[in-house]
Protein backbone atom coordinates (compact mmCIF):
# COMPACT_ATOMS: atom_id res chain seq x y z
CA GLY A 1 -0.54 21.60 11.64
CA GLY A 2 -3.89 21.03 13.25
CA ASP A 3 -7.36 21.49 11.82
CA SER A 4 -6.60 24.93 10.37
CA TRP A 5 -3.85 23.52 8.15
CA TRP A 6 -6.24 20.89 6.74
CA ALA A 7 -8.90 23.49 5.93
CA GLU A 8 -6.36 25.84 4.33
CA ALA A 9 -4.66 23.13 2.25
CA ALA A 10 -8.03 21.79 1.08
CA ALA A 11 -9.60 25.17 0.25
CA PRO A 12 -9.03 24.86 -3.53
CA TYR A 13 -10.65 21.41 -3.48
CA GLN A 14 -13.92 22.20 -1.65
CA GLY A 15 -16.74 20.00 -2.93
CA VAL A 16 -14.42 17.55 -4.69
CA THR A 17 -15.06 13.82 -4.21
CA ILE A 18 -12.18 11.37 -3.99
CA ARG A 19 -12.78 7.66 -4.42
CA GLY A 20 -10.79 4.74 -3.07
CA ILE A 21 -10.97 0.99 -2.76
CA SER A 22 -9.48 -1.50 -0.33
CA GLU A 23 -9.50 -5.06 0.82
CA SER A 24 -11.66 -5.42 3.92
CA THR A 25 -9.28 -5.45 6.89
CA PRO A 26 -9.68 -3.96 10.38
CA PRO A 27 -7.38 -1.02 9.48
CA SER A 28 -9.20 -0.33 6.20
CA LYS A 29 -12.54 -0.44 8.03
CA TYR A 30 -11.11 2.19 10.40
CA VAL A 31 -10.13 4.33 7.43
CA SER A 32 -13.62 3.90 5.96
CA ASP A 33 -15.63 4.36 9.14
CA VAL A 34 -13.54 6.90 11.08
CA LEU A 35 -10.75 8.61 9.14
CA ALA A 36 -12.78 9.30 5.98
CA LYS A 37 -15.44 11.11 8.02
CA GLU A 38 -12.82 13.12 9.92
CA PHE A 39 -11.12 14.04 6.65
CA GLU A 40 -14.44 15.22 5.17
CA GLU A 41 -15.16 17.35 8.26
CA LYS A 42 -11.71 18.95 8.24
CA THR A 43 -11.39 19.51 4.49
CA GLY A 44 -14.81 19.67 2.85
CA ILE A 45 -13.57 16.96 0.46
CA LYS A 46 -16.00 14.04 0.19
CA VAL A 47 -14.51 10.53 0.48
CA GLU A 48 -16.10 7.46 -1.11
CA PHE A 49 -14.20 4.41 0.11
CA GLU A 50 -15.21 0.96 -1.12
CA VAL A 51 -14.24 -1.92 1.16
CA THR A 52 -14.51 -5.35 -0.44
CA SER A 53 -12.77 -8.71 -0.80
CA TRP A 54 -9.10 -8.79 -1.84
CA ASP A 55 -9.98 -10.40 -5.19
CA GLN A 56 -12.59 -7.77 -6.04
CA MET A 57 -10.36 -4.93 -4.87
CA TYR A 58 -7.45 -6.13 -7.01
CA ASP A 59 -9.66 -6.79 -10.05
CA LYS A 60 -11.44 -3.43 -9.89
CA ALA A 61 -8.28 -1.44 -9.19
CA ILE A 62 -6.16 -3.06 -11.90
CA LYS A 63 -8.93 -2.75 -14.51
CA ASP A 64 -9.34 0.92 -13.61
CA MET A 65 -5.59 1.50 -13.93
CA GLU A 66 -5.21 -0.48 -17.17
CA ALA A 67 -8.10 1.37 -18.83
CA ASN A 68 -7.01 4.70 -17.31
CA THR A 69 -10.63 5.41 -16.39
CA GLY A 70 -9.83 7.24 -13.16
CA ILE A 71 -12.60 5.69 -11.11
CA TYR A 72 -10.32 5.38 -8.09
CA ASP A 73 -8.08 8.16 -6.82
CA PHE A 74 -6.41 5.90 -4.28
CA VAL A 75 -6.06 2.20 -3.59
CA TYR A 76 -5.26 0.77 -0.18
CA ILE A 77 -3.02 -2.19 -1.05
CA GLU A 78 -0.36 -4.50 0.32
CA GLN A 79 3.21 -3.40 -0.21
CA ASP A 80 3.84 -6.48 -2.37
CA ILE A 81 1.78 -4.94 -5.19
CA VAL A 82 3.50 -1.54 -5.23
CA TYR A 83 6.35 -2.56 -7.53
CA SER A 84 4.08 -4.13 -10.15
CA TYR A 85 1.97 -0.93 -10.20
CA LEU A 86 5.13 1.18 -10.29
CA ALA A 87 6.50 -0.80 -13.25
CA GLN A 88 3.27 -0.09 -15.15
CA ASP A 89 3.44 3.64 -14.30
CA TYR A 90 0.10 3.46 -12.45
CA LEU A 91 1.22 5.36 -9.33
CA THR A 92 1.61 9.03 -8.49
CA ASP A 93 5.03 10.16 -7.30
CA ILE A 94 4.14 11.59 -3.89
CA THR A 95 7.62 13.03 -3.39
CA GLN A 96 7.35 14.99 -6.63
CA SER A 97 3.73 16.02 -5.99
CA LEU A 98 4.63 17.52 -2.62
CA ALA A 99 7.67 19.25 -4.12
CA ASP A 100 5.46 20.72 -6.87
CA ASN A 101 2.76 21.81 -4.42
CA PRO A 102 4.30 22.37 -0.97
CA ALA A 103 0.99 23.70 0.39
CA LEU A 104 -0.23 20.08 0.42
CA ALA A 105 2.65 18.91 2.64
CA SER A 106 1.35 18.70 6.20
CA PRO A 107 3.76 20.22 8.70
CA ASP A 108 3.08 17.13 10.85
CA PHE A 109 4.18 14.68 8.13
CA ASN A 110 7.82 13.63 8.08
CA ILE A 111 8.90 10.69 5.95
CA ASP A 112 11.77 10.09 8.37
CA ASP A 113 9.25 9.25 11.11
CA PHE A 114 8.55 5.91 9.38
CA THR A 115 10.51 2.75 10.01
CA SER A 116 12.39 1.15 7.13
CA PHE A 117 9.04 -0.37 6.10
CA ILE A 118 8.50 2.85 4.10
CA ASN A 119 11.16 1.57 1.69
CA TYR A 120 8.61 -0.88 0.25
CA PHE A 121 6.70 2.17 -1.02
CA LYS A 122 9.66 3.86 -2.69
CA ASP A 123 10.98 3.67 -6.23
CA PRO A 124 14.28 1.79 -5.83
CA ALA A 125 15.84 3.87 -8.63
CA THR A 126 14.97 7.33 -7.30
CA GLY A 127 14.00 6.86 -3.65
CA ASP A 128 10.77 8.77 -4.32
CA VAL A 129 7.72 7.73 -2.29
CA TYR A 130 4.71 6.26 -4.10
CA GLY A 131 2.66 5.16 -1.10
CA VAL A 132 2.37 5.62 2.63
CA PRO A 133 2.12 2.56 4.89
CA MET A 134 -1.00 2.34 7.00
CA GLU A 135 -0.29 -1.11 8.44
CA ALA A 136 2.45 -3.71 8.26
CA PHE A 137 1.67 -7.14 6.91
CA VAL A 138 3.69 -9.54 9.03
CA LYS A 139 4.74 -12.61 7.10
CA VAL A 140 6.06 -15.60 8.98
CA TYR A 141 7.53 -18.61 7.25
CA LEU A 142 7.61 -21.88 9.18
CA TYR A 143 9.08 -25.24 8.33
CA ARG A 144 9.63 -28.54 10.10
CA LYS A 145 13.31 -28.70 10.94
CA ASP A 146 13.13 -32.46 11.57
CA LEU A 147 12.13 -33.10 7.94
CA PHE A 148 15.14 -31.21 6.62
CA GLU A 149 17.49 -33.10 8.96
CA ASN A 150 16.12 -36.61 8.32
CA PRO A 151 18.65 -38.52 6.11
CA ASP A 152 15.96 -40.84 4.69
CA ILE A 153 13.79 -37.92 3.59
CA GLN A 154 16.85 -36.09 2.21
CA ALA A 155 17.81 -39.14 0.12
CA GLN A 156 14.25 -39.65 -1.16
CA PHE A 157 13.99 -35.99 -2.09
CA LYS A 158 17.32 -35.97 -3.95
CA GLU A 159 16.39 -39.15 -5.81
CA GLN A 160 13.01 -37.72 -6.85
CA TYR A 161 14.05 -34.13 -7.69
CA GLY A 162 17.78 -34.36 -8.39
CA TYR A 163 18.91 -31.75 -5.88
CA ASP A 164 19.40 -31.48 -2.11
CA LEU A 165 16.48 -30.74 0.19
CA ALA A 166 17.05 -27.43 1.98
CA PRO A 167 14.91 -24.74 3.59
CA ALA A 168 14.27 -21.60 1.55
CA THR A 169 16.87 -18.88 1.96
CA THR A 170 14.67 -15.90 1.07
């Protein structure tokens, strides 16, 4: 790959501006402050990348998608949102796009280089990729084991709610 591949692949798009939006996180700030500038230098494609609160990002992105206004070309989102966007047909099939235009497929990019986390960005029906992970959102669920093992609390819970107290299984 290298810089020459970027320049060659981007040649038809010289002077184009792409716009994106993201929640403000350290990785998205890196994209905004470092990677966007490098991309512009290598490709001649201008990047406008808005970094804002999660609420504003979600609101602006979903309104843009619902109205089909095309303000944003890309959205940097959590994997949890991918399936709702996919169900609404808001996402571009990256697998198909690269098959249709192989000149845009970087020789350094291999989908098999990703961990299974990439599966969150795939259509479960086709296996096609609709997003590329930039960071992993670690989610830890904690509970107090002593509360679930206390017979008095278990009895009170069952009396109040009508079913046994148990930790979540998912």
